[in-house]
Amino acid sequence: MPTAIDLFEKARNHERVEQLRAAREADLMPYFRLLTGPAGPVVEMEGAERVMLGSNNYLGLTGDPRVKQAAHDALDTYGTGLTGSRFLNGTTPLHLELSAR
């Protein structure tokens, strides 16, 4: 009979667990900070303006009105997505247009 394995034992007993706990208690963890405005090169985070260094928006397209309108149009036409892979859940005209380009 297989022995039960505690999958989280390594995390609970990691050599830096105390360091991590102290950072969390001092509010020094850089993860999951609350954004209170739109994404851009400068964002409002927890009531202060901060330079966004972790974004993939290096072309600045997330705020472009044409991109926003295209997203609205696609949402109205196709919904929020196929809920799975194109292979199993179907191909949209957008897939075909992208492939053709």
PDB file of N, CA and C in Angstrom:
ATOM      1  N   MET A   1       0.843  -1.173   0.000  1.00  0.00           N
ATOM      2  CA  MET A   1       0.000   0.000   0.000  1.00  0.00           C
ATOM      3  C   MET A   1       0.896   1.248   0.000  1.00  0.00           C
ATOM      4  N   PRO A   2       0.602   2.224  -0.873  1.00  0.00           N
ATOM      5  CA  PRO A   2       1.438   3.427  -0.946  1.00  0.00           C
ATOM      6  C   PRO A   2       1.399   4.223   0.358  1.00  0.00           C
ATOM      7  N   THR A   3       2.516   4.854   0.634  1.00  0.00           N
ATOM      8  CA  THR A   3       2.621   5.715   1.809  1.00  0.00           C
ATOM      9  C   THR A   3       2.120   7.106   1.448  1.00  0.00           C
ATOM     10  N   ALA A   4       1.369   7.724   2.353  1.00  0.00           N
ATOM     11  CA  ALA A   4       0.881   9.086   2.123  1.00  0.00           C
ATOM     12  C   ALA A   4       2.065  10.052   2.115  1.00  0.00           C
ATOM     13  N   ILE A   5       2.055  10.979   1.171  1.00  0.00           N
ATOM     14  CA  ILE A   5       3.125  11.959   1.043  1.00  0.00           C
ATOM     15  C   ILE A   5       2.545  13.344   1.305  1.00  0.00           C
ATOM     16  N   ASP A   6       3.210  14.087   2.168  1.00  0.00           N
ATOM     17  CA  ASP A   6       2.801  15.465   2.425  1.00  0.00           C
ATOM     18  C   ASP A   6       3.429  16.339   1.344  1.00  0.00           C
ATOM     19  N   LEU A   7       2.632  16.765   0.385  1.00  0.00           N
ATOM     20  CA  LEU A   7       3.140  17.526  -0.753  1.00  0.00           C
ATOM     21  C   LEU A   7       3.673  18.898  -0.374  1.00  0.00           C
ATOM     22  N   PHE A   8       3.234  19.427   0.749  1.00  0.00           N
ATOM     23  CA  PHE A   8       3.610  20.781   1.128  1.00  0.00           C
ATOM     24  C   PHE A   8       4.678  20.834   2.220  1.00  0.00           C
ATOM     25  N   GLU A   9       5.170  19.684   2.643  1.00  0.00           N
ATOM     26  CA  GLU A   9       6.172  19.642   3.706  1.00  0.00           C
ATOM     27  C   GLU A   9       7.412  20.450   3.347  1.00  0.00           C
ATOM     28  N   LYS A  10       7.895  20.329   2.132  1.00  0.00           N
ATOM     29  CA  LYS A  10       9.091  21.055   1.716  1.00  0.00           C
ATOM     30  C   LYS A  10       8.881  22.567   1.830  1.00  0.00           C
ATOM     31  N   ALA A  11       7.709  23.041   1.456  1.00  0.00           N
ATOM     32  CA  ALA A  11       7.423  24.476   1.536  1.00  0.00           C
ATOM     33  C   ALA A  11       7.329  24.941   2.987  1.00  0.00           C
ATOM     34  N   ARG A  12       6.656  24.158   3.821  1.00  0.00           N
ATOM     35  CA  ARG A  12       6.502  24.543   5.228  1.00  0.00           C
ATOM     36  C   ARG A  12       7.818  24.535   5.979  1.00  0.00           C
ATOM     37  N   ASN A  13       8.748  23.694   5.572  1.00  0.00           N
ATOM     38  CA  ASN A  13      10.011  23.542   6.287  1.00  0.00           C
ATOM     39  C   ASN A  13      11.200  24.103   5.516  1.00  0.00           C
ATOM     40  N   HIS A  14      10.944  24.927   4.524  1.00  0.00           N
ATOM     41  CA  HIS A  14      12.024  25.489   3.719  1.00  0.00           C
ATOM     42  C   HIS A  14      12.941  26.347   4.589  1.00  0.00           C
ATOM     43  N   GLU A  15      14.212  26.391   4.233  1.00  0.00           N
ATOM     44  CA  GLU A  15      15.196  27.119   5.043  1.00  0.00           C
ATOM     45  C   GLU A  15      14.916  28.616   5.139  1.00  0.00           C
ATOM     46  N   ARG A  16      14.140  29.154   4.212  1.00  0.00           N
ATOM     47  CA  ARG A  16      13.847  30.590   4.231  1.00  0.00           C
ATOM     48  C   ARG A  16      12.431  30.915   4.678  1.00  0.00           C
ATOM     49  N   VAL A  17      11.746  29.964   5.270  1.00  0.00           N
ATOM     50  CA  VAL A  17      10.360  30.194   5.657  1.00  0.00           C
ATOM     51  C   VAL A  17      10.240  31.323   6.687  1.00  0.00           C
ATOM     52  N   GLU A  18      11.173  31.438   7.600  1.00  0.00           N
ATOM     53  CA  GLU A  18      11.121  32.525   8.590  1.00  0.00           C
ATOM     54  C   GLU A  18      11.369  33.879   7.929  1.00  0.00           C
ATOM     55  N   GLN A  19      12.297  33.917   6.984  1.00  0.00           N
ATOM     56  CA  GLN A  19      12.578  35.152   6.238  1.00  0.00           C
ATOM     57  C   GLN A  19      11.340  35.583   5.455  1.00  0.00           C
ATOM     58  N   LEU A  20      10.682  34.651   4.852  1.00  0.00           N
ATOM     59  CA  LEU A  20       9.464  34.928   4.096  1.00  0.00           C
ATOM     60  C   LEU A  20       8.351  35.419   5.024  1.00  0.00           C
ATOM     61  N   ARG A  21       8.203  34.791   6.171  1.00  0.00           N
ATOM     62  CA  ARG A  21       7.181  35.200   7.128  1.00  0.00           C
ATOM     63  C   ARG A  21       7.434  36.637   7.605  1.00  0.00           C
ATOM     64  N   ALA A  22       8.699  36.968   7.883  1.00  0.00           N
ATOM     65  CA  ALA A  22       9.052  38.320   8.340  1.00  0.00           C
ATOM     66  C   ALA A  22       8.759  39.354   7.247  1.00  0.00           C
ATOM     67  N   ALA A  23       9.071  39.028   5.996  1.00  0.00           N
ATOM     68  CA  ALA A  23       8.796  39.938   4.884  1.00  0.00           C
ATOM     69  C   ALA A  23       7.292  40.162   4.732  1.00  0.00           C
ATOM     70  N   ARG A  24       6.514  39.108   4.889  1.00  0.00           N
ATOM     71  CA  ARG A  24       5.063  39.225   4.772  1.00  0.00           C
ATOM     72  C   ARG A  24       4.502  40.102   5.902  1.00  0.00           C
ATOM     73  N   GLU A  25       4.992  39.890   7.113  1.00  0.00           N
ATOM     74  CA  GLU A  25       4.515  40.671   8.258  1.00  0.00           C
ATOM     75  C   GLU A  25       4.894  42.144   8.144  1.00  0.00           C
ATOM     76  N   ALA A  26       6.021  42.439   7.489  1.00  0.00           N
ATOM     77  CA  ALA A  26       6.468  43.827   7.310  1.00  0.00           C
ATOM     78  C   ALA A  26       5.902  44.448   6.035  1.00  0.00           C
ATOM     79  N   ASP A  27       4.990  43.741   5.362  1.00  0.00           N
ATOM     80  CA  ASP A  27       4.370  44.197   4.109  1.00  0.00           C
ATOM     81  C   ASP A  27       5.420  44.505   3.044  1.00  0.00           C
ATOM     82  N   LEU A  28       6.422  43.643   2.935  1.00  0.00           N
ATOM     83  CA  LEU A  28       7.487  43.824   1.950  1.00  0.00           C
ATOM     84  C   LEU A  28       7.360  42.884   0.750  1.00  0.00           C
ATOM     85  N   MET A  29       6.321  42.088   0.715  1.00  0.00           N
ATOM     86  CA  MET A  29       6.142  41.165  -0.407  1.00  0.00           C
ATOM     87  C   MET A  29       5.702  41.957  -1.644  1.00  0.00           C
ATOM     88  N   PRO A  30       6.378  41.789  -2.768  1.00  0.00           N
ATOM     89  CA  PRO A  30       6.043  42.576  -3.965  1.00  0.00           C
ATOM     90  C   PRO A  30       4.893  41.990  -4.788  1.00  0.00           C
ATOM     91  N   TYR A  31       4.322  40.898  -4.349  1.00  0.00           N
ATOM     92  CA  TYR A  31       3.329  40.186  -5.149  1.00  0.00           C
ATOM     93  C   TYR A  31       1.902  40.585  -4.784  1.00  0.00           C
ATOM     94  N   PHE A  32       1.026  40.526  -5.777  1.00  0.00           N
ATOM     95  CA  PHE A  32      -0.406  40.714  -5.607  1.00  0.00           C
ATOM     96  C   PHE A  32      -0.764  42.086  -5.034  1.00  0.00           C
ATOM     97  N   ARG A  33      -0.065  43.100  -5.471  1.00  0.00           N
ATOM     98  CA  ARG A  33      -0.377  44.471  -5.064  1.00  0.00           C
ATOM     99  C   ARG A  33      -1.608  44.938  -5.832  1.00  0.00           C
ATOM    100  N   LEU A  34      -2.453  45.709  -5.170  1.00  0.00           N
ATOM    101  CA  LEU A  34      -3.728  46.117  -5.746  1.00  0.00           C
ATOM    102  C   LEU A  34      -3.568  47.303  -6.689  1.00  0.00           C
ATOM    103  N   LEU A  35      -3.933  47.101  -7.958  1.00  0.00           N
ATOM    104  CA  LEU A  35      -3.983  48.187  -8.934  1.00  0.00           C
ATOM    105  C   LEU A  35      -5.353  48.843  -8.819  1.00  0.00           C
ATOM    106  N   THR A  36      -5.379  50.167  -8.778  1.00  0.00           N
ATOM    107  CA  THR A  36      -6.656  50.866  -8.629  1.00  0.00           C
ATOM    108  C   THR A  36      -6.952  51.765  -9.822  1.00  0.00           C
ATOM    109  N   GLY A  37      -6.326  51.482 -10.952  1.00  0.00           N
ATOM    110  CA  GLY A  37      -6.557  52.231 -12.172  1.00  0.00           C
ATOM    111  C   GLY A  37      -6.140  51.393 -13.363  1.00  0.00           C
ATOM    112  N   PRO A  38      -6.199  51.962 -14.554  1.00  0.00           N
ATOM    113  CA  PRO A  38      -5.854  51.201 -15.755  1.00  0.00           C
ATOM    114  C   PRO A  38      -4.361  50.891 -15.842  1.00  0.00           C
ATOM    115  N   ALA A  39      -4.049  49.821 -16.568  1.00  0.00           N
ATOM    116  CA  ALA A  39      -2.660  49.433 -16.791  1.00  0.00           C
ATOM    117  C   ALA A  39      -2.007  50.406 -17.768  1.00  0.00           C
ATOM    118  N   GLY A  40      -0.781  50.736 -17.522  1.00  0.00           N
ATOM    119  CA  GLY A  40      -0.022  51.630 -18.386  1.00  0.00           C
ATOM    120  C   GLY A  40       1.411  51.667 -17.909  1.00  0.00           C
ATOM    121  N   PRO A  41       2.241  52.542 -18.476  1.00  0.00           N
ATOM    122  CA  PRO A  41       3.633  52.627 -18.042  1.00  0.00           C
ATOM    123  C   PRO A  41       3.750  53.132 -16.613  1.00  0.00           C
ATOM    124  N   VAL A  42       2.783  53.947 -16.193  1.00  0.00           N
ATOM    125  CA  VAL A  42       2.677  54.384 -14.808  1.00  0.00           C
ATOM    126  C   VAL A  42       1.289  53.961 -14.341  1.00  0.00           C
ATOM    127  N   VAL A  43       1.225  53.332 -13.177  1.00  0.00           N
ATOM    128  CA  VAL A  43      -0.048  52.837 -12.665  1.00  0.00           C
ATOM    129  C   VAL A  43      -0.317  53.418 -11.285  1.00  0.00           C
ATOM    130  N   GLU A  44      -1.571  53.364 -10.895  1.00  0.00           N
ATOM    131  CA  GLU A  44      -1.917  53.696  -9.516  1.00  0.00           C
ATOM    132  C   GLU A  44      -2.014  52.381  -8.768  1.00  0.00           C
ATOM    133  N   MET A  45      -1.170  52.245  -7.776  1.00  0.00           N
ATOM    134  CA  MET A  45      -1.108  51.016  -7.011  1.00  0.00           C
ATOM    135  C   MET A  45      -1.141  51.364  -5.539  1.00  0.00           C
ATOM    136  N   GLU A  46      -2.174  50.882  -4.871  1.00  0.00           N
ATOM    137  CA  GLU A  46      -2.319  51.114  -3.437  1.00  0.00           C
ATOM    138  C   GLU A  46      -2.237  52.593  -3.081  1.00  0.00           C
ATOM    139  N   GLY A  47      -2.882  53.434  -3.925  1.00  0.00           N
ATOM    140  CA  GLY A  47      -2.976  54.857  -3.636  1.00  0.00           C
ATOM    141  C   GLY A  47      -1.784  55.695  -4.056  1.00  0.00           C
ATOM    142  N   ALA A  48      -0.809  55.103  -4.723  1.00  0.00           N
ATOM    143  CA  ALA A  48       0.372  55.867  -5.144  1.00  0.00           C
ATOM    144  C   ALA A  48       0.694  55.560  -6.601  1.00  0.00           C
ATOM    145  N   GLU A  49       1.291  56.528  -7.288  1.00  0.00           N
ATOM    146  CA  GLU A  49       1.745  56.287  -8.660  1.00  0.00           C
ATOM    147  C   GLU A  49       3.041  55.499  -8.627  1.00  0.00           C
ATOM    148  N   ARG A  50       3.093  54.466  -9.464  1.00  0.00           N
ATOM    149  CA  ARG A  50       4.283  53.622  -9.529  1.00  0.00           C
ATOM    150  C   ARG A  50       4.616  53.354 -10.988  1.00  0.00           C
ATOM    151  N   VAL A  51       5.886  53.271 -11.306  1.00  0.00           N
ATOM    152  CA  VAL A  51       6.316  52.887 -12.644  1.00  0.00           C
ATOM    153  C   VAL A  51       6.102  51.384 -12.771  1.00  0.00           C
ATOM    154  N   MET A  52       5.419  50.987 -13.831  1.00  0.00           N
ATOM    155  CA  MET A  52       5.127  49.573 -14.048  1.00  0.00           C
ATOM    156  C   MET A  52       6.315  48.921 -14.743  1.00  0.00           C
ATOM    157  N   LEU A  53       7.013  48.061 -14.032  1.00  0.00           N
ATOM    158  CA  LEU A  53       8.197  47.403 -14.583  1.00  0.00           C
ATOM    159  C   LEU A  53       7.925  45.964 -15.013  1.00  0.00           C
ATOM    160  N   GLY A  54       6.784  45.403 -14.651  1.00  0.00           N
ATOM    161  CA  GLY A  54       6.545  43.994 -14.927  1.00  0.00           C
ATOM    162  C   GLY A  54       5.553  43.722 -16.028  1.00  0.00           C
ATOM    163  N   SER A  55       5.160  44.718 -16.776  1.00  0.00           N
ATOM    164  CA  SER A  55       4.125  44.556 -17.788  1.00  0.00           C
ATOM    165  C   SER A  55       4.680  44.013 -19.098  1.00  0.00           C
ATOM    166  N   ASN A  56       3.808  43.339 -19.843  1.00  0.00           N
ATOM    167  CA  ASN A  56       4.128  42.929 -21.212  1.00  0.00           C
ATOM    168  C   ASN A  56       3.644  43.966 -22.223  1.00  0.00           C
ATOM    169  N   ASN A  57       3.178  45.094 -21.738  1.00  0.00           N
ATOM    170  CA  ASN A  57       2.618  46.137 -22.593  1.00  0.00           C
ATOM    171  C   ASN A  57       3.716  47.069 -23.109  1.00  0.00           C
ATOM    172  N   TYR A  58       4.792  46.503 -23.605  1.00  0.00           N
ATOM    173  CA  TYR A  58       5.930  47.319 -24.030  1.00  0.00           C
ATOM    174  C   TYR A  58       5.646  48.144 -25.271  1.00  0.00           C
ATOM    175  N   LEU A  59       4.608  47.840 -26.012  1.00  0.00           N
ATOM    176  CA  LEU A  59       4.236  48.661 -27.163  1.00  0.00           C
ATOM    177  C   LEU A  59       3.177  49.700 -26.807  1.00  0.00           C
ATOM    178  N   GLY A  60       2.661  49.636 -25.591  1.00  0.00           N
ATOM    179  CA  GLY A  60       1.678  50.608 -25.142  1.00  0.00           C
ATOM    180  C   GLY A  60       0.315  50.460 -25.794  1.00  0.00           C
ATOM    181  N   LEU A  61      -0.018  49.262 -26.249  1.00  0.00           N
ATOM    182  CA  LEU A  61      -1.263  49.074 -26.992  1.00  0.00           C
ATOM    183  C   LEU A  61      -2.495  48.867 -26.118  1.00  0.00           C
ATOM    184  N   THR A  62      -2.317  48.573 -24.836  1.00  0.00           N
ATOM    185  CA  THR A  62      -3.498  48.287 -24.014  1.00  0.00           C
ATOM    186  C   THR A  62      -4.420  49.487 -23.877  1.00  0.00           C
ATOM    187  N   GLY A  63      -3.906  50.690 -24.019  1.00  0.00           N
ATOM    188  CA  GLY A  63      -4.743  51.880 -23.908  1.00  0.00           C
ATOM    189  C   GLY A  63      -5.128  52.478 -25.244  1.00  0.00           C
ATOM    190  N   ASP A  64      -4.673  51.887 -26.333  1.00  0.00           N
ATOM    191  CA  ASP A  64      -4.975  52.412 -27.662  1.00  0.00           C
ATOM    192  C   ASP A  64      -6.471  52.255 -27.941  1.00  0.00           C
ATOM    193  N   PRO A  65      -7.165  53.343 -28.309  1.00  0.00           N
ATOM    194  CA  PRO A  65      -8.614  53.265 -28.538  1.00  0.00           C
ATOM    195  C   PRO A  65      -8.996  52.242 -29.602  1.00  0.00           C
ATOM    196  N   ARG A  66      -8.160  52.046 -30.613  1.00  0.00           N
ATOM    197  CA  ARG A  66      -8.473  51.062 -31.658  1.00  0.00           C
ATOM    198  C   ARG A  66      -8.440  49.644 -31.102  1.00  0.00           C
ATOM    199  N   VAL A  67      -7.485  49.371 -30.242  1.00  0.00           N
ATOM    200  CA  VAL A  67      -7.381  48.041 -29.634  1.00  0.00           C
ATOM    201  C   VAL A  67      -8.564  47.803 -28.698  1.00  0.00           C
ATOM    202  N   LYS A  68      -8.908  48.819 -27.925  1.00  0.00           N
ATOM    203  CA  LYS A  68     -10.047  48.688 -27.014  1.00  0.00           C
ATOM    204  C   LYS A  68     -11.344  48.453 -27.786  1.00  0.00           C
ATOM    205  N   GLN A  69     -11.533  49.186 -28.876  1.00  0.00           N
ATOM    206  CA  GLN A  69     -12.746  49.005 -29.676  1.00  0.00           C
ATOM    207  C   GLN A  69     -12.777  47.623 -30.311  1.00  0.00           C
ATOM    208  N   ALA A  70     -11.647  47.149 -30.808  1.00  0.00           N
ATOM    209  CA  ALA A  70     -11.580  45.806 -31.401  1.00  0.00           C
ATOM    210  C   ALA A  70     -11.896  44.745 -30.355  1.00  0.00           C
ATOM    211  N   ALA A  71     -11.421  44.944 -29.131  1.00  0.00           N
ATOM    212  CA  ALA A  71     -11.714  43.993 -28.052  1.00  0.00           C
ATOM    213  C   ALA A  71     -13.214  43.981 -27.750  1.00  0.00           C
ATOM    214  N   HIS A  72     -13.831  45.167 -27.697  1.00  0.00           N
ATOM    215  CA  HIS A  72     -15.286  45.246 -27.482  1.00  0.00           C
ATOM    216  C   HIS A  72     -16.033  44.528 -28.604  1.00  0.00           C
ATOM    217  N   ASP A  73     -15.616  44.785 -29.831  1.00  0.00           N
ATOM    218  CA  ASP A  73     -16.286  44.164 -30.976  1.00  0.00           C
ATOM    219  C   ASP A  73     -16.164  42.645 -30.936  1.00  0.00           C
ATOM    220  N   ALA A  74     -14.968  42.156 -30.625  1.00  0.00           N
ATOM    221  CA  ALA A  74     -14.754  40.707 -30.553  1.00  0.00           C
ATOM    222  C   ALA A  74     -15.579  40.092 -29.430  1.00  0.00           C
ATOM    223  N   LEU A  75     -15.653  40.766 -28.302  1.00  0.00           N
ATOM    224  CA  LEU A  75     -16.452  40.269 -27.182  1.00  0.00           C
ATOM    225  C   LEU A  75     -17.929  40.189 -27.560  1.00  0.00           C
ATOM    226  N   ASP A  76     -18.414  41.230 -28.232  1.00  0.00           N
ATOM    227  CA  ASP A  76     -19.817  41.232 -28.660  1.00  0.00           C
ATOM    228  C   ASP A  76     -20.100  40.114 -29.659  1.00  0.00           C
ATOM    229  N   THR A  77     -19.142  39.836 -30.538  1.00  0.00           N
ATOM    230  CA  THR A  77     -19.349  38.836 -31.587  1.00  0.00           C
ATOM    231  C   THR A  77     -19.118  37.416 -31.099  1.00  0.00           C
ATOM    232  N   TYR A  78     -18.035  37.189 -30.337  1.00  0.00           N
ATOM    233  CA  TYR A  78     -17.605  35.828 -30.012  1.00  0.00           C
ATOM    234  C   TYR A  78     -17.766  35.451 -28.545  1.00  0.00           C
ATOM    235  N   GLY A  79     -18.147  36.394 -27.705  1.00  0.00           N
ATOM    236  CA  GLY A  79     -18.221  36.087 -26.281  1.00  0.00           C
ATOM    237  C   GLY A  79     -16.834  36.145 -25.655  1.00  0.00           C
ATOM    238  N   THR A  80     -16.706  35.520 -24.496  1.00  0.00           N
ATOM    239  CA  THR A  80     -15.441  35.616 -23.763  1.00  0.00           C
ATOM    240  C   THR A  80     -14.403  34.601 -24.203  1.00  0.00           C
ATOM    241  N   GLY A  81     -14.731  33.696 -25.083  1.00  0.00           N
ATOM    242  CA  GLY A  81     -13.749  32.753 -25.602  1.00  0.00           C
ATOM    243  C   GLY A  81     -14.378  31.401 -25.870  1.00  0.00           C
ATOM    244  N   LEU A  82     -13.561  30.504 -26.373  1.00  0.00           N
ATOM    245  CA  LEU A  82     -14.023  29.162 -26.710  1.00  0.00           C
ATOM    246  C   LEU A  82     -13.992  28.221 -25.518  1.00  0.00           C
ATOM    247  N   THR A  83     -13.489  28.673 -24.415  1.00  0.00           N
ATOM    248  CA  THR A  83     -13.370  27.910 -23.164  1.00  0.00           C
ATOM    249  C   THR A  83     -12.499  26.669 -23.301  1.00  0.00           C
ATOM    250  N   GLY A  84     -11.618  26.690 -24.236  1.00  0.00           N
ATOM    251  CA  GLY A  84     -10.715  25.556 -24.414  1.00  0.00           C
ATOM    252  C   GLY A  84      -9.910  25.724 -25.683  1.00  0.00           C
ATOM    253  N   SER A  85      -9.270  24.658 -26.079  1.00  0.00           N
ATOM    254  CA  SER A  85      -8.384  24.732 -27.240  1.00  0.00           C
ATOM    255  C   SER A  85      -9.181  24.821 -28.541  1.00  0.00           C
ATOM    256  N   ARG A  86      -8.589  25.467 -29.488  1.00  0.00           N
ATOM    257  CA  ARG A  86      -9.178  25.585 -30.818  1.00  0.00           C
ATOM    258  C   ARG A  86      -9.351  24.204 -31.441  1.00  0.00           C
ATOM    259  N   PHE A  87      -8.417  23.316 -31.165  1.00  0.00           N
ATOM    260  CA  PHE A  87      -8.431  21.966 -31.715  1.00  0.00           C
ATOM    261  C   PHE A  87      -9.727  21.233 -31.362  1.00  0.00           C
ATOM    262  N   LEU A  88     -10.156  21.358 -30.115  1.00  0.00           N
ATOM    263  CA  LEU A  88     -11.343  20.632 -29.676  1.00  0.00           C
ATOM    264  C   LEU A  88     -12.620  21.457 -29.693  1.00  0.00           C
ATOM    265  N   ASN A  89     -12.503  22.765 -29.508  1.00  0.00           N
ATOM    266  CA  ASN A  89     -13.701  23.574 -29.302  1.00  0.00           C
ATOM    267  C   ASN A  89     -14.089  24.439 -30.483  1.00  0.00           C
ATOM    268  N   GLY A  90     -13.360  24.350 -31.557  1.00  0.00           N
ATOM    269  CA  GLY A  90     -13.763  25.068 -32.756  1.00  0.00           C
ATOM    270  C   GLY A  90     -12.844  26.204 -33.138  1.00  0.00           C
ATOM    271  N   THR A  91     -12.957  26.578 -34.392  1.00  0.00           N
ATOM    272  CA  THR A  91     -12.175  27.651 -34.983  1.00  0.00           C
ATOM    273  C   THR A  91     -13.106  28.807 -35.283  1.00  0.00           C
ATOM    274  N   THR A  92     -12.660  30.006 -34.990  1.00  0.00           N
ATOM    275  CA  THR A  92     -13.450  31.197 -35.301  1.00  0.00           C
ATOM    276  C   THR A  92     -12.892  31.846 -36.561  1.00  0.00           C
ATOM    277  N   PRO A  93     -13.656  32.736 -37.158  1.00  0.00           N
ATOM    278  CA  PRO A  93     -13.118  33.497 -38.294  1.00  0.00           C
ATOM    279  C   PRO A  93     -11.844  34.272 -37.932  1.00  0.00           C
ATOM    280  N   LEU A  94     -11.715  34.656 -36.669  1.00  0.00           N
ATOM    281  CA  LEU A  94     -10.487  35.359 -36.239  1.00  0.00           C
ATOM    282  C   LEU A  94      -9.265  34.449 -36.376  1.00  0.00           C
ATOM    283  N   HIS A  95      -9.406  33.173 -36.030  1.00  0.00           N
ATOM    284  CA  HIS A  95      -8.301  32.226 -36.195  1.00  0.00           C
ATOM    285  C   HIS A  95      -7.890  32.147 -37.663  1.00  0.00           C
ATOM    286  N   LEU A  96      -8.877  32.038 -38.534  1.00  0.00           N
ATOM    287  CA  LEU A  96      -8.595  31.899 -39.964  1.00  0.00           C
ATOM    288  C   LEU A  96      -7.934  33.145 -40.516  1.00  0.00           C
ATOM    289  N   GLU A  97      -8.409  34.306 -40.094  1.00  0.00           N
ATOM    290  CA  GLU A  97      -7.818  35.576 -40.548  1.00  0.00           C
ATOM    291  C   GLU A  97      -6.366  35.682 -40.082  1.00  0.00           C
ATOM    292  N   LEU A  98      -6.112  35.332 -38.846  1.00  0.00           N
ATOM    293  CA  LEU A  98      -4.752  35.381 -38.318  1.00  0.00           C
ATOM    294  C   LEU A  98      -3.849  34.413 -39.065  1.00  0.00           C
ATOM    295  N   SER A  99      -4.324  33.205 -39.292  1.00  0.00           N
ATOM    296  CA  SER A  99      -3.533  32.211 -40.031  1.00  0.00           C
ATOM    297  C   SER A  99      -3.217  32.683 -41.443  1.00  0.00           C
ATOM    298  N   ALA A 100      -4.198  33.324 -42.088  1.00  0.00           N
ATOM    299  CA  ALA A 100      -3.988  33.810 -43.453  1.00  0.00           C
ATOM    300  C   ALA A 100      -2.940  34.917 -43.508  1.00  0.00           C
ATOM    301  N   ARG A 101      -2.921  35.764 -42.470  1.00  0.00           N
ATOM    302  CA  ARG A 101      -1.944  36.855 -42.435  1.00  0.00           C
ATOM    303  C   ARG A 101      -0.556  36.327 -42.201  1.00  0.00           C
TER     304      ARG A 101
END
